Amino acid sequence: MHSRDFDELADVASSVPGWLTRDQARVLYDEAAAVPAGGCVVEIGSHHGRSTVVLAAAVAPTARVVAVDPFLEGWRYGGPDTEQALRATLERAGVTDLVDVRVATSAEVLAQWDARVDLVYVDGKHDVRSVCHDLRWARFVPTGSHVLVHDAFSSVGVTLGLLWTLLVGRSLVYLDRTGSLARLRVGRPDPRDRLRPLGQLPWWVRNLAVKALLRLRLRRVARWWGHTDDADPY
């Protein structure tokens, strides 16, 4: 049984800097709550911990969340200050004991990993190569269980890496998305499964257009596309 009411948890998560909508948090919460007692969730990319606290508060008390983030230097990643912010977030949310923070890259942790994983959440580097590599974590996930990918069909690198894996790979099936949060099922895809994510390409093109309009400070035009936020679509 999960240990925290979702509405209470969503209020805590919303106070943490990051890019995760309430509806997406609900998906993470429900998926993590379905992880069996003693199970394991792997999160690739934690930043300040907005998604981490959702996953950790939803799992059973005997489960664990492995939060993988190298906290590289630079404005995009934050370095040691961001690691400290993550640990402070976990402490504030009361989930420190449920989270194993690994200050390393996804590739470094994956190279040493040899245990079952019940749920993977990917929100790491957004280039094609990194996304394809992060999705290799699926080999430790049982058939029928899920892999979640944030910024799907809203980022060029994430989308291309995801499409490549789904079109040519043999172990992941696209199910659906909540905004830019895609749900994948571990299993062998059939031809229709491979074609299904291509139906999201018009939404992807729309999101790229919105991003360009926001960069040009044409927010009013972006609203014509149905985008009412000042942040990028996610």
Protein backbone atom coordinates (compact mmCIF):
# COMPACT_ATOMS: atom_id res chain seq x y z
CA MET A 1 0.00 0.00 0.00
CA HIS A 2 1.29 3.48 -0.82
CA SER A 3 2.07 5.64 2.15
CA ARG A 4 0.96 9.15 1.14
CA ASP A 5 -2.31 10.59 -0.15
CA PHE A 6 -1.84 11.90 -3.69
CA ASP A 7 -3.40 15.33 -3.14
CA GLU A 8 -1.15 15.98 -0.16
CA LEU A 9 1.85 14.74 -2.10
CA ALA A 10 1.05 16.83 -5.18
CA ASP A 11 1.09 19.97 -3.06
CA VAL A 12 4.54 19.04 -1.75
CA ALA A 13 5.86 18.26 -5.26
CA SER A 14 4.47 21.47 -6.75
CA SER A 15 6.71 23.49 -4.42
CA VAL A 16 9.84 21.86 -5.88
CA PRO A 17 11.42 23.46 -8.97
CA GLY A 18 11.03 21.31 -12.06
CA TRP A 19 8.86 20.37 -15.00
CA LEU A 20 6.16 17.88 -14.08
CA THR A 21 2.44 18.57 -14.32
CA ARG A 22 -0.07 17.40 -11.75
CA ASP A 23 -1.52 14.90 -14.24
CA GLN A 24 1.95 13.53 -14.92
CA ALA A 25 2.63 13.30 -11.19
CA ARG A 26 -0.57 11.25 -10.91
CA VAL A 27 0.77 8.77 -13.48
CA LEU A 28 4.08 8.45 -11.61
CA TYR A 29 2.23 8.01 -8.34
CA ASP A 30 -0.06 5.28 -9.66
CA GLU A 31 2.76 3.43 -11.41
CA ALA A 32 4.99 3.54 -8.32
CA ALA A 33 2.12 2.48 -6.07
CA ALA A 34 1.77 -0.65 -8.21
CA VAL A 35 5.37 -1.70 -7.57
CA PRO A 36 5.35 -4.76 -5.32
CA ALA A 37 6.66 -4.76 -1.75
CA GLY A 38 10.42 -5.03 -1.82
CA GLY A 39 10.47 -3.77 -5.41
CA CYS A 40 12.69 -1.23 -7.08
CA VAL A 41 12.08 1.96 -9.06
CA VAL A 42 14.92 3.52 -11.06
CA GLU A 43 14.74 7.22 -11.85
CA ILE A 44 17.14 8.61 -14.45
CA GLY A 45 17.53 12.34 -13.81
CA SER A 46 16.32 13.71 -10.47
CA HIS A 47 17.30 17.40 -10.49
CA HIS A 48 15.70 19.01 -7.38
CA GLY A 49 13.50 15.97 -6.72
CA ARG A 50 10.05 17.02 -7.95
CA SER A 51 9.44 13.58 -9.47
CA THR A 52 11.58 11.74 -6.93
CA VAL A 53 9.33 12.59 -3.99
CA VAL A 54 6.26 11.45 -5.94
CA LEU A 55 7.82 8.08 -6.69
CA ALA A 56 9.22 7.60 -3.19
CA ALA A 57 6.04 8.57 -1.35
CA ALA A 58 3.95 6.23 -3.50
CA VAL A 59 5.97 3.01 -3.17
CA ALA A 60 5.50 0.48 -0.41
CA PRO A 61 7.66 1.08 2.70
CA THR A 62 9.82 -1.93 1.83
CA ALA A 63 10.45 -0.79 -1.76
CA ARG A 64 13.17 1.62 -2.82
CA VAL A 65 13.77 4.33 -5.39
CA VAL A 66 17.23 4.54 -6.96
CA ALA A 67 17.72 8.15 -8.09
CA VAL A 68 20.48 8.40 -10.68
CA ASP A 69 21.91 11.81 -11.52
CA PRO A 70 25.55 12.89 -12.05
CA PHE A 71 24.76 16.51 -11.07
CA LEU A 72 27.12 17.87 -13.68
CA GLU A 73 28.39 21.41 -13.49
CA GLY A 74 26.61 24.04 -15.57
CA TRP A 75 23.37 25.98 -15.58
CA ARG A 76 21.37 23.12 -17.05
CA TYR A 77 22.35 20.54 -14.43
CA GLY A 78 23.33 22.55 -11.37
CA GLY A 79 26.28 20.58 -10.00
CA PRO A 80 26.71 20.00 -6.24
CA ASP A 81 24.18 22.69 -5.35
CA THR A 82 21.47 20.73 -7.14
CA GLU A 83 22.45 17.53 -5.36
CA GLN A 84 22.12 19.36 -2.04
CA ALA A 85 18.72 20.70 -3.14
CA LEU A 86 17.58 17.16 -3.98
CA ARG A 87 18.63 15.81 -0.60
CA ALA A 88 16.90 18.72 1.14
CA THR A 89 13.73 17.97 -0.84
CA LEU A 90 13.81 14.32 0.21
CA GLU A 91 14.31 15.32 3.84
CA ARG A 92 11.48 17.83 3.72
CA ALA A 93 9.14 15.24 2.19
CA GLY A 94 10.15 12.59 4.73
CA VAL A 95 11.27 10.03 2.12
CA THR A 96 15.05 10.06 2.57
CA ASP A 97 15.12 6.47 3.80
CA LEU A 98 13.32 5.26 0.67
CA VAL A 99 15.69 6.85 -1.86
CA ASP A 100 19.16 5.64 -2.82
CA VAL A 101 20.83 8.63 -4.51
CA ARG A 102 23.51 7.59 -6.99
CA VAL A 103 25.75 10.49 -8.03
CA ALA A 104 26.76 8.97 -11.35
CA THR A 105 25.63 8.78 -14.94
CA SER A 106 22.97 6.36 -16.06
CA ALA A 107 25.60 4.51 -18.12
CA GLU A 108 27.90 4.11 -15.11
CA VAL A 109 25.16 2.69 -12.88
CA LEU A 110 23.72 0.48 -15.63
CA ALA A 111 27.13 -1.07 -16.32
CA GLN A 112 27.23 -2.41 -12.74
CA TRP A 113 23.53 -3.28 -12.36
CA ASP A 114 22.39 -6.90 -12.02
CA ALA A 115 19.02 -6.79 -10.22
CA ARG A 116 15.37 -6.67 -11.19
CA VAL A 117 13.74 -3.26 -11.69
CA ASP A 118 9.96 -2.93 -11.46
CA LEU A 119 9.59 0.56 -12.93
CA VAL A 120 11.92 2.91 -14.82
CA TYR A 121 11.37 6.66 -15.17
CA VAL A 122 13.61 8.37 -17.74
CA ASP A 123 14.16 12.12 -17.54
CA GLY A 124 17.90 12.39 -18.12
CA LYS A 125 19.94 14.04 -20.85
CA HIS A 126 17.81 14.87 -23.87
CA ASP A 127 20.14 13.87 -26.70
CA VAL A 128 19.39 10.86 -28.91
CA ARG A 129 22.31 8.74 -27.75
CA SER A 130 21.56 9.22 -24.04
CA VAL A 131 17.86 8.44 -24.47
CA CYS A 132 18.59 5.26 -26.41
CA HIS A 133 21.05 4.19 -23.74
CA ASP A 134 18.69 5.03 -20.86
CA LEU A 135 16.01 2.87 -22.44
CA ARG A 136 18.35 -0.11 -22.15
CA TRP A 137 17.33 -0.23 -18.49
CA ALA A 138 14.23 -2.01 -19.81
CA ARG A 139 16.18 -5.26 -19.94
CA PHE A 140 15.93 -5.47 -16.15
CA VAL A 141 12.16 -4.81 -16.15
CA PRO A 142 9.79 -7.82 -16.24
CA THR A 143 7.61 -8.34 -19.31
CA GLY A 144 4.36 -6.43 -18.92
CA SER A 145 5.80 -3.81 -16.56
CA HIS A 146 6.34 -0.19 -17.56
CA VAL A 147 8.98 2.35 -18.54
CA LEU A 148 8.06 6.06 -18.37
CA VAL A 149 9.75 8.72 -20.50
CA HIS A 150 9.38 12.44 -19.83
CA ASP A 151 9.61 15.09 -22.59
CA ALA A 152 8.53 12.57 -25.20
CA PHE A 153 7.20 14.31 -28.32
CA SER A 154 8.25 17.71 -26.97
CA SER A 155 12.05 17.45 -27.26
CA VAL A 156 13.92 16.72 -30.48
CA GLY A 157 16.51 14.44 -28.89
CA VAL A 158 14.07 12.54 -26.67
CA THR A 159 11.58 12.04 -29.49
CA LEU A 160 14.14 10.80 -32.01
CA GLY A 161 15.75 8.48 -29.48
CA LEU A 162 12.36 7.14 -28.42
CA LEU A 163 11.16 6.62 -32.00
CA TRP A 164 14.36 4.84 -32.98
CA THR A 165 14.06 2.46 -30.03
CA LEU A 166 10.37 1.77 -30.64
CA LEU A 167 10.69 1.32 -34.41
CA VAL A 168 13.71 -0.99 -34.49
CA GLY A 169 13.88 -2.42 -30.97
CA ARG A 170 12.36 -5.67 -29.81
CA SER A 171 11.48 -5.07 -26.19
CA LEU A 172 9.30 -1.95 -25.79
CA VAL A 173 5.76 -1.06 -26.85
CA TYR A 174 4.31 2.46 -26.84
CA LEU A 175 1.07 2.64 -24.83
CA ASP A 176 0.02 6.28 -24.38
CA ARG A 177 1.10 9.65 -23.07
CA THR A 178 0.02 12.25 -20.51
CA GLY A 179 1.26 15.49 -21.99
CA SER A 180 4.90 14.69 -22.75
CA LEU A 181 5.05 11.74 -20.34
CA ALA A 182 5.02 8.54 -22.41
CA ARG A 183 4.18 5.12 -21.02
CA LEU A 184 5.88 2.10 -22.54
CA ARG A 185 5.29 -1.57 -21.82
CA VAL A 186 8.08 -4.11 -21.78
CA GLY A 187 7.23 -6.73 -24.37
CA ARG A 188 7.76 -7.73 -27.98
CA PRO A 189 6.05 -5.25 -30.36
CA ASP A 190 4.01 -6.28 -33.38
CA PRO A 191 3.88 -4.15 -36.59
CA ARG A 192 0.91 -2.11 -35.34
CA ASP A 193 2.75 -1.37 -32.08
CA ARG A 194 5.68 0.02 -34.05
CA LEU A 195 3.44 2.38 -36.02
CA ARG A 196 1.43 3.67 -33.05
CA PRO A 197 3.94 6.31 -31.79
CA LEU A 198 4.07 7.85 -35.28
CA GLY A 199 0.57 9.13 -34.58
CA GLN A 200 2.10 11.54 -32.06
CA LEU A 201 4.29 13.30 -34.65
CA PRO A 202 1.76 16.09 -35.40
CA TRP A 203 1.70 16.95 -31.68
CA TRP A 204 5.50 16.93 -31.68
CA VAL A 205 5.67 19.32 -34.63
CA ARG A 206 3.16 21.58 -32.87
CA ASN A 207 5.33 21.60 -29.75
CA LEU A 208 8.46 22.49 -31.72
CA ALA A 209 6.55 25.37 -33.32
CA VAL A 210 5.39 26.57 -29.89
CA LYS A 211 8.97 26.46 -28.57
CA ALA A 212 10.15 28.54 -31.51
CA LEU A 213 7.38 31.10 -30.88
CA LEU A 214 8.29 31.34 -27.21
CA ARG A 215 11.96 31.91 -28.10
CA LEU A 216 10.83 34.72 -30.40
CA ARG A 217 8.66 36.10 -27.58
CA LEU A 218 5.53 35.59 -29.65
CA ARG A 219 3.44 34.24 -26.77
CA ARG A 220 0.20 35.59 -28.22
CA VAL A 221 0.76 33.58 -31.38
CA ALA A 222 1.58 30.51 -29.28
CA ARG A 223 -1.80 30.88 -27.62
CA TRP A 224 -3.41 30.37 -31.02
CA TRP A 225 -1.85 26.91 -30.91
CA GLY A 226 -3.51 26.32 -27.55
CA HIS A 227 -0.41 26.97 -25.45
CA THR A 228 -1.24 29.20 -22.49
CA ASP A 229 1.90 28.67 -20.37
CA ASP A 230 5.07 30.77 -20.50
CA ALA A 231 7.17 27.59 -20.19
CA ASP A 232 7.87 25.12 -22.99
CA PRO A 233 5.16 22.50 -23.63
CA TYR A 234 5.70 19.43 -21.51
